[in-house]
Amino acid sequence: MALRDNPFSELRLPLLLSAAAALVIALVVGVTMLLSDRRETLQTQAYGVTRRMGDRVVAPVSSWISAPSRWGQAGSGAISQYFFAVSENRRLRAELKAAQSWRTNAIALQDTNDRYRALLGLKVNPPIDMVSGLAVADSRGPFANSRLINVGSEARVEVGNPVMNENGLVGRVVGVAEGVSRVLLLTDVASRTPVLVDRTNSRAILIGDGGPNPRLDYLRGQDPVKENDPILTSGDGGVLPRGIPIGRAVKGLDGRWRVVLAADSGSIDYVRVLLFKDFRQLANTPRLDEPPPPPPPTTPAVAAAPVASPPTAAPASPTTTSSPSLPAALKPAAVVRPTTPKPAAPKPPTVKPAVNPRPAAVAATAAPAADEGDIPH
C-alpha cells in the first residue's frame, strides 16, 4: 500500500531510462561536434567520405524531385516570353511605322532646307533685290515652255524680271498678276537671251527652239567657242545682269553649237526672281540729273588777249618775233601776215589788206608823175 500511495513510484524507472538516453545522446553529439572541428583530419577521411556518399545519393533524388518544378517554370517562362515577344513586336512595329513617317518628313524638310539655303546663297554683281517663289504649274508643248510661280505683283515682280534657281538662269517673267507670274523658259521658241562665252568673251544670242538644248547664234570671230565652255549672260541691252550662269556649250547633232542648261540639272520648283528692270535702276539718278559744271575760268582770259593785241601790234615786231621760229623758206612778209591774225579777232585781217594797198597805189601813181615831170626837163 505504501508503494501505491506514491504516484511517481511507477514512473521512476522510465524517467531514469530517459535521462540515461539523453545523457548518452548528449555525449555522442558532443563527441561528434568535437570531431567535426578537426577538419584537417576527419573531413578528409571518415566524415568527408560519408558526406560524399550522402551527396551522391541525395543529388539524383533531389534532381528527380525538382524536375517537374523546373519543367513548369520553363514552360511558364516560354509562354510568358512568347506573349512578351508578341507585344514587343507589335510595339516595335508601331514605332518603326511612326519613325518611317518621321523619316520621310525629315528628308523632305532637309531637302527643302537645302534648296532654300542654296537659293539664299545666290549672289549677283551688282547686288539686286530678290524674292523667292515656287513653281505651281508647268505648261509644255512642242514649242512653248513656261511655268507659273506663286509670286506676283504684290511682291513687286514685273515683266522682264530674270528668274533663277540654285543652278543658273531659268528664264524671265512675261506675265504678272496678283499672286502669280508666268515665266518664259530659255527653251521656248520666243526666248532670246544675249550671252557670252566665258573663255573668249565672245558674244552670242541664245535662241530657244523648243528642245532641251537651245542653240547659240550670231557667234563671231575665229574659234569663239569650244566644247564645255561656260556660257554666261552678257548684260548687253540692259535686259539681264551680267555673269549669271546659263550652262556649258556642246556640239549638237546638226553641227550647231548648243547649250546644256545648268538649271536643268535639278528640278525647277523653288526659284528666285531678280527685281531687275534695267541698269538705270542701279544708277544714282539724282547725280545723273544734276546740271553740268560751269566752264573753267580760263576761257574769258584767252578771249580778252586777242582783242587787246591788234592796237599794240606793230608791223616790224611780228617779223622779228616770228622769223627765228620759221624756216628760211617761210621768211617772206607774205607768210608773216597770216600768222598775225591767228590770235587776233576777225577784224585785223580786214584792216591790214585795206591799209597795205594804199601805199602801193600812191607809190604807183607818184612814180609816173615824177617821170612825166622829169621828161620836159
Protein backbone atom coordinates (compact mmCIF):
# COMPACT_ATOMS: atom_id res chain seq x y z
CA MET A 1 0.00 0.00 0.00
CA ALA A 2 2.91 2.23 0.59
CA LEU A 3 4.07 1.95 -3.00
CA ARG A 4 0.62 2.60 -4.32
CA ASP A 5 0.31 5.61 -2.15
CA ASN A 6 3.23 7.29 -4.07
CA PRO A 7 2.03 8.06 -7.70
CA PHE A 8 5.53 8.68 -9.02
CA SER A 9 6.90 5.32 -7.99
CA GLU A 10 5.79 3.72 -11.21
CA LEU A 11 7.39 6.49 -13.32
CA ARG A 12 10.79 6.33 -11.70
CA LEU A 13 12.21 3.67 -13.98
CA PRO A 14 11.11 5.30 -17.27
CA LEU A 15 12.44 8.62 -16.08
CA LEU A 16 15.78 7.11 -15.26
CA LEU A 17 15.98 5.43 -18.64
CA SER A 18 15.04 8.63 -20.41
CA ALA A 19 17.66 10.60 -18.51
CA ALA A 20 20.29 7.99 -19.32
CA ALA A 21 19.37 8.04 -23.02
CA ALA A 22 19.50 11.83 -23.10
CA LEU A 23 22.88 11.77 -21.46
CA VAL A 24 24.19 9.27 -23.99
CA ILE A 25 22.84 11.32 -26.87
CA ALA A 26 24.39 14.47 -25.45
CA LEU A 27 27.71 12.71 -25.13
CA VAL A 28 27.51 11.46 -28.71
CA VAL A 29 26.62 14.89 -30.00
CA GLY A 30 29.41 16.48 -28.04
CA VAL A 31 31.93 13.97 -29.30
CA THR A 32 30.67 14.46 -32.86
CA MET A 33 30.98 18.21 -32.57
CA LEU A 34 34.46 17.86 -31.19
CA LEU A 35 35.40 15.60 -34.06
CA SER A 36 33.86 17.94 -36.66
CA ASP A 37 36.22 20.75 -35.69
CA ARG A 38 39.19 18.68 -36.68
CA ARG A 39 38.75 19.48 -40.40
CA GLU A 40 42.25 18.74 -41.40
CA THR A 41 41.88 15.15 -40.39
CA LEU A 42 38.32 13.96 -40.13
CA GLN A 43 36.84 15.87 -43.11
CA THR A 44 39.35 14.33 -45.44
CA GLN A 45 38.91 10.91 -44.00
CA ALA A 46 35.77 9.50 -42.41
CA TYR A 47 33.47 12.48 -42.41
CA GLY A 48 34.43 13.52 -45.91
CA VAL A 49 33.77 10.04 -47.30
CA THR A 50 30.41 9.87 -45.56
CA ARG A 51 29.43 13.28 -46.83
CA ARG A 52 30.36 12.47 -50.39
CA MET A 53 28.38 9.27 -50.29
CA GLY A 54 25.39 11.16 -48.95
CA ASP A 55 25.72 13.76 -51.68
CA ARG A 56 25.83 11.06 -54.34
CA VAL A 57 22.63 9.57 -53.05
CA VAL A 58 20.82 12.85 -52.45
CA ALA A 59 21.74 14.56 -55.79
CA PRO A 60 19.76 12.33 -58.17
CA VAL A 61 16.86 12.10 -55.77
CA SER A 62 16.65 15.89 -55.44
CA SER A 63 17.02 16.21 -59.22
CA TRP A 64 14.12 13.82 -59.81
CA ILE A 65 12.03 15.60 -57.24
CA SER A 66 12.77 19.10 -58.62
CA ALA A 67 12.38 18.12 -62.32
CA PRO A 68 8.63 18.77 -62.52
CA SER A 69 9.05 22.17 -60.92
CA ARG A 70 11.80 23.05 -63.38
CA TRP A 71 9.69 21.91 -66.29
CA GLY A 72 6.81 24.00 -65.06
CA GLN A 73 9.00 27.07 -64.64
CA ALA A 74 10.47 26.58 -68.13
CA GLY A 75 7.04 26.21 -69.68
CA SER A 76 5.65 29.25 -67.93
CA GLY A 77 8.76 31.23 -68.90
CA ALA A 78 8.41 30.21 -72.55
CA ILE A 79 4.75 31.13 -72.59
CA SER A 80 5.41 34.49 -70.94
CA GLN A 81 8.30 35.19 -73.31
CA TYR A 82 6.14 34.33 -76.29
CA PHE A 83 3.41 36.72 -75.25
CA PHE A 84 6.04 39.34 -74.35
CA ALA A 85 7.70 38.91 -77.76
CA VAL A 86 4.36 39.32 -79.50
CA SER A 87 3.57 42.51 -77.60
CA GLU A 88 7.13 43.78 -78.09
CA ASN A 89 6.93 43.04 -81.80
CA ARG A 90 3.70 44.98 -82.06
CA ARG A 91 5.19 47.89 -80.16
CA LEU A 92 8.33 47.93 -82.32
CA ARG A 93 6.27 47.76 -85.49
CA ALA A 94 4.27 50.79 -84.39
CA GLU A 95 7.46 52.68 -83.54
CA LEU A 96 9.01 51.74 -86.88
CA LYS A 97 5.95 52.92 -88.76
CA ALA A 98 5.99 56.22 -86.91
CA ALA A 99 9.73 56.54 -87.46
CA GLN A 100 9.33 55.92 -91.19
CA SER A 101 6.78 58.70 -91.47
CA TRP A 102 9.05 60.98 -89.46
CA ARG A 103 11.98 59.95 -91.66
CA THR A 104 10.04 60.83 -94.82
CA ASN A 105 9.08 64.21 -93.38
CA ALA A 106 12.63 64.82 -92.19
CA ILE A 107 14.10 64.04 -95.62
CA ALA A 108 11.57 66.33 -97.30
CA LEU A 109 12.28 69.13 -94.83
CA GLN A 110 16.03 68.65 -95.22
CA ASP A 111 15.73 68.80 -98.99
CA THR A 112 13.59 71.93 -98.77
CA ASN A 113 16.01 73.48 -96.31
CA ASP A 114 18.97 72.71 -98.57
CA ARG A 115 17.17 74.22 -101.56
CA TYR A 116 16.32 77.36 -99.59
CA ARG A 117 19.91 77.64 -98.37
CA ALA A 118 21.18 77.33 -101.94
CA LEU A 119 18.67 79.94 -103.15
CA LEU A 120 19.53 82.33 -100.33
CA GLY A 121 23.21 81.91 -101.18
CA LEU A 122 22.74 83.24 -104.72
CA LYS A 123 24.85 86.33 -105.37
CA VAL A 124 24.79 88.63 -108.39
CA ASN A 125 27.00 91.56 -109.23
CA PRO A 126 25.86 94.26 -108.67
CA PRO A 127 23.61 93.24 -105.73
CA ILE A 128 19.93 93.12 -106.71
CA ASP A 129 16.83 92.52 -104.57
CA MET A 130 15.26 89.05 -104.95
CA VAL A 131 12.05 87.29 -103.96
CA SER A 132 11.58 83.52 -103.61
CA GLY A 133 8.79 81.58 -105.25
CA LEU A 134 7.55 78.08 -106.00
CA ALA A 135 6.61 76.73 -109.42
CA VAL A 136 2.99 75.60 -109.15
CA ALA A 137 2.17 74.70 -112.77
CA ASP A 138 4.03 73.59 -115.88
CA SER A 139 2.93 74.44 -119.41
CA ARG A 140 4.75 72.42 -122.05
CA GLY A 141 4.19 71.91 -125.74
CA PRO A 142 6.15 71.29 -128.93
CA PHE A 143 7.29 74.92 -128.97
CA ALA A 144 6.05 76.62 -125.78
CA ASN A 145 7.71 76.10 -122.41
CA SER A 146 6.62 78.19 -119.42
CA ARG A 147 6.00 77.91 -115.70
CA LEU A 148 3.64 79.56 -113.24
CA ILE A 149 5.13 80.69 -109.92
CA ASN A 150 3.25 81.75 -106.79
CA VAL A 151 4.60 85.32 -106.53
CA GLY A 152 3.19 88.27 -108.40
CA SER A 153 2.65 91.99 -108.34
CA GLU A 154 2.27 92.05 -104.55
CA ALA A 155 5.98 91.10 -104.35
CA ARG A 156 6.99 93.88 -106.84
CA VAL A 157 7.52 91.36 -109.64
CA GLU A 158 7.38 92.97 -113.10
CA VAL A 159 7.50 91.80 -116.68
CA GLY A 160 11.08 91.18 -117.78
CA ASN A 161 12.47 90.19 -114.38
CA PRO A 162 15.04 87.35 -114.60
CA VAL A 163 14.22 84.07 -112.82
CA MET A 164 16.91 81.75 -111.40
CA ASN A 165 17.21 78.58 -109.40
CA GLU A 166 20.21 77.48 -107.38
CA ASN A 167 22.00 76.25 -110.53
CA GLY A 168 21.52 79.06 -113.03
CA LEU A 169 19.15 81.15 -115.15
CA VAL A 170 15.70 79.64 -115.76
CA GLY A 171 14.02 82.33 -117.84
CA ARG A 172 12.27 85.67 -117.50
CA VAL A 173 8.85 86.91 -116.40
CA VAL A 174 6.44 87.55 -119.28
CA GLY A 175 3.19 87.99 -117.33
CA VAL A 176 2.30 89.23 -113.84
CA ALA A 177 -0.93 89.08 -111.85
CA GLU A 178 -1.89 89.19 -108.20
CA GLY A 179 -0.20 86.22 -106.55
CA VAL A 180 1.02 84.53 -109.75
CA SER A 181 3.53 85.16 -112.55
CA ARG A 182 4.30 83.40 -115.82
CA VAL A 183 7.94 82.55 -116.54
CA LEU A 184 9.13 82.02 -120.11
CA LEU A 185 11.83 79.33 -120.06
CA LEU A 186 15.03 79.57 -122.07
CA THR A 187 13.90 76.64 -124.21
CA ASP A 188 10.78 78.42 -125.51
CA VAL A 189 10.85 79.42 -129.19
CA ALA A 190 10.13 83.03 -128.19
CA SER A 191 13.16 83.21 -125.90
CA ARG A 192 16.13 85.36 -126.99
CA THR A 193 18.92 85.91 -124.48
CA PRO A 194 22.21 87.80 -125.01
CA VAL A 195 25.06 85.65 -123.72
CA LEU A 196 28.85 85.47 -123.77
CA VAL A 197 31.46 82.72 -123.77
CA ASP A 198 33.38 82.98 -120.52
CA ARG A 199 36.68 81.82 -122.03
CA THR A 200 36.84 84.15 -125.04
CA ASN A 201 34.32 86.85 -124.03
CA SER A 202 32.63 86.30 -127.41
CA ARG A 203 29.05 87.48 -127.69
CA ALA A 204 26.15 85.41 -129.00
CA ILE A 205 22.37 85.08 -128.80
CA LEU A 206 20.84 82.07 -127.06
CA ILE A 207 17.74 81.12 -129.06
CA GLY A 208 15.20 78.58 -127.83
CA ASP A 209 13.78 76.15 -130.36
CA GLY A 210 11.50 74.02 -128.18
CA GLY A 211 14.16 71.41 -127.47
CA PRO A 212 16.06 70.80 -124.24
CA ASN A 213 19.23 72.50 -125.52
CA PRO A 214 18.82 75.99 -127.04
CA ARG A 215 21.25 76.98 -129.78
CA LEU A 216 23.94 79.65 -129.94
CA ASP A 217 23.58 82.00 -132.92
CA TYR A 218 25.48 85.02 -134.22
CA LEU A 219 28.87 83.83 -132.99
CA ARG A 220 31.71 85.95 -134.33
CA GLY A 221 35.43 85.55 -134.59
CA GLN A 222 37.66 82.58 -135.24
CA ASP A 223 37.11 79.65 -132.89
CA PRO A 224 34.94 81.66 -130.44
CA VAL A 225 33.67 78.64 -128.51
CA LYS A 226 34.90 75.17 -127.59
CA GLU A 227 33.35 72.10 -126.03
CA ASN A 228 32.23 72.60 -122.39
CA ASP A 229 32.93 76.35 -122.39
CA PRO A 230 30.88 78.09 -119.66
CA ILE A 231 28.11 80.30 -121.03
CA LEU A 232 27.03 83.37 -119.01
CA THR A 233 24.65 86.26 -119.51
CA SER A 234 26.39 89.19 -121.19
CA GLY A 235 24.22 92.01 -119.87
CA ASP A 236 24.02 93.57 -123.36
CA GLY A 237 20.99 95.75 -123.82
CA GLY A 238 20.46 96.11 -120.07
CA VAL A 239 17.87 93.33 -120.02
CA LEU A 240 19.75 90.93 -117.71
CA PRO A 241 22.61 91.40 -115.25
CA ARG A 242 25.99 90.23 -116.46
CA GLY A 243 27.55 86.98 -115.27
CA ILE A 244 24.52 84.79 -114.44
CA PRO A 245 25.45 81.16 -115.27
CA ILE A 246 23.42 79.57 -118.04
CA GLY A 247 25.20 76.31 -118.89
CA ARG A 248 28.00 74.86 -121.00
CA ALA A 249 28.50 74.68 -124.75
CA VAL A 250 28.16 71.40 -126.66
CA LYS A 251 28.13 70.48 -130.33
CA GLY A 252 24.70 69.37 -131.49
CA LEU A 253 23.90 66.59 -133.93
CA ASP A 254 23.03 69.22 -136.53
CA GLY A 255 26.52 70.73 -136.27
CA ARG A 256 25.37 73.83 -134.41
CA TRP A 257 26.63 74.96 -131.05
CA ARG A 258 24.08 74.40 -128.32
CA VAL A 259 23.95 74.88 -124.55
CA VAL A 260 23.27 72.28 -121.87
CA LEU A 261 21.32 74.39 -119.38
CA ALA A 262 22.60 74.42 -115.81
CA ALA A 263 19.07 74.98 -114.49
CA ASP A 264 18.00 71.58 -115.85
CA SER A 265 20.49 69.72 -113.62
CA GLY A 266 17.88 69.87 -110.85
CA SER A 267 14.13 70.24 -110.59
CA ILE A 268 12.80 73.71 -111.32
CA ASP A 269 10.46 74.18 -108.38
CA TYR A 270 11.98 76.69 -105.95
CA VAL A 271 13.13 79.81 -107.81
CA ARG A 272 14.34 83.35 -107.13
CA VAL A 273 13.02 86.34 -109.07
CA LEU A 274 15.52 89.17 -109.53
CA LEU A 275 13.73 92.52 -109.20
CA PHE A 276 15.73 93.92 -112.10
CA LYS A 277 14.37 96.05 -114.95
CA ASP A 278 17.46 97.68 -116.44
CA PHE A 279 20.73 99.19 -115.31
CA ARG A 280 19.17 102.62 -114.82
CA GLN A 281 17.71 101.44 -111.52
CA LEU A 282 21.27 100.79 -110.28
CA ALA A 283 22.50 104.28 -111.15
CA ASN A 284 22.31 107.32 -108.88
CA THR A 285 19.56 109.16 -110.74
CA PRO A 286 19.80 112.46 -108.78
CA ARG A 287 23.51 112.67 -109.54
CA LEU A 288 22.87 111.96 -113.22
CA ASP A 289 20.19 114.68 -113.39
CA GLU A 290 22.46 117.38 -111.96
CA PRO A 291 23.34 120.23 -114.39
CA PRO A 292 26.83 120.21 -115.89
CA PRO A 293 29.50 122.23 -114.08
CA PRO A 294 30.27 125.79 -115.30
CA PRO A 295 33.14 126.29 -117.80
CA PRO A 296 36.61 126.84 -116.36
CA PRO A 297 37.61 130.48 -115.63
CA THR A 298 40.50 130.44 -118.15
CA THR A 299 38.29 130.87 -121.23
CA PRO A 300 37.48 134.61 -120.63
CA ALA A 301 41.20 135.49 -120.28
CA VAL A 302 42.03 133.79 -123.57
CA ALA A 303 39.25 135.71 -125.32
CA ALA A 304 40.45 139.07 -123.94
CA ALA A 305 44.03 138.62 -125.05
CA PRO A 306 43.33 138.64 -128.83
CA VAL A 307 41.20 141.80 -128.52
CA ALA A 308 44.00 143.76 -126.88
CA SER A 309 46.71 142.58 -129.27
CA PRO A 310 45.72 144.38 -132.56
CA PRO A 311 46.23 148.02 -131.45
CA THR A 312 49.57 147.30 -129.78
CA ALA A 313 50.97 145.13 -132.55
CA ALA A 314 53.43 146.78 -134.97
CA PRO A 315 54.35 145.50 -138.42
CA ALA A 316 58.02 145.18 -137.53
CA SER A 317 57.63 143.33 -134.23
CA PRO A 318 55.82 140.29 -135.62
CA THR A 319 58.51 139.77 -138.20
CA THR A 320 61.24 139.86 -135.64
CA THR A 321 59.47 137.50 -133.27
CA SER A 322 58.27 135.08 -135.91
CA SER A 323 61.35 134.98 -138.09
CA PRO A 324 63.54 132.92 -135.73
CA SER A 325 60.86 130.25 -135.35
CA LEU A 326 60.09 129.93 -139.08
CA PRO A 327 62.31 128.13 -141.58
CA ALA A 328 64.19 130.03 -144.25
CA ALA A 329 61.65 129.28 -146.98
CA LEU A 330 58.85 130.93 -144.96
CA LYS A 331 60.59 134.20 -144.03
CA PRO A 332 58.89 136.50 -146.63
CA ALA A 333 56.42 139.09 -145.42
CA ALA A 334 53.55 137.28 -147.11
CA VAL A 335 53.92 134.49 -144.61
CA VAL A 336 54.05 136.82 -141.66
CA ARG A 337 50.62 138.26 -142.37
CA PRO A 338 48.67 135.03 -141.85
CA THR A 339 50.44 134.38 -138.58
CA THR A 340 49.34 137.63 -137.01
CA PRO A 341 45.58 137.16 -137.48
CA LYS A 342 45.57 133.76 -135.70
CA PRO A 343 45.49 135.10 -132.16
CA ALA A 344 43.50 138.20 -133.19
CA ALA A 345 39.84 138.75 -133.88
CA PRO A 346 38.47 138.68 -137.43
CA LYS A 347 38.91 142.48 -137.68
CA PRO A 348 42.73 142.68 -138.11
CA PRO A 349 42.78 140.63 -141.36
CA THR A 350 40.21 143.01 -142.89
CA VAL A 351 42.09 146.11 -141.78
CA LYS A 352 45.57 145.07 -142.92
CA PRO A 353 44.68 144.33 -146.56
CA ALA A 354 42.94 147.73 -146.74
CA VAL A 355 45.94 149.57 -145.31
CA ASN A 356 48.66 147.85 -147.38
CA PRO A 357 47.26 148.54 -150.90
CA ARG A 358 47.06 152.26 -150.24
CA PRO A 359 50.84 152.93 -150.04
CA ALA A 360 51.34 150.71 -153.06
CA ALA A 361 48.79 152.71 -155.10
CA VAL A 362 50.21 156.01 -154.00
CA ALA A 363 53.71 154.83 -154.94
CA ALA A 364 52.45 153.63 -158.31
CA THR A 365 50.77 156.99 -159.08
CA ALA A 366 53.67 159.03 -157.76
CA ALA A 367 56.24 157.24 -159.88
CA PRO A 368 54.63 158.12 -163.25
CA ALA A 369 54.12 161.72 -162.15
CA ALA A 370 57.76 162.05 -161.33
CA ASP A 371 58.73 160.52 -164.63
CA GLU A 372 56.44 162.88 -166.51
CA GLY A 373 57.84 165.86 -164.69
CA ASP A 374 61.35 164.81 -165.48
CA ILE A 375 60.72 164.45 -169.22
CA PRO A 376 60.40 168.24 -170.05
CA HIS A 377 63.42 169.00 -168.05
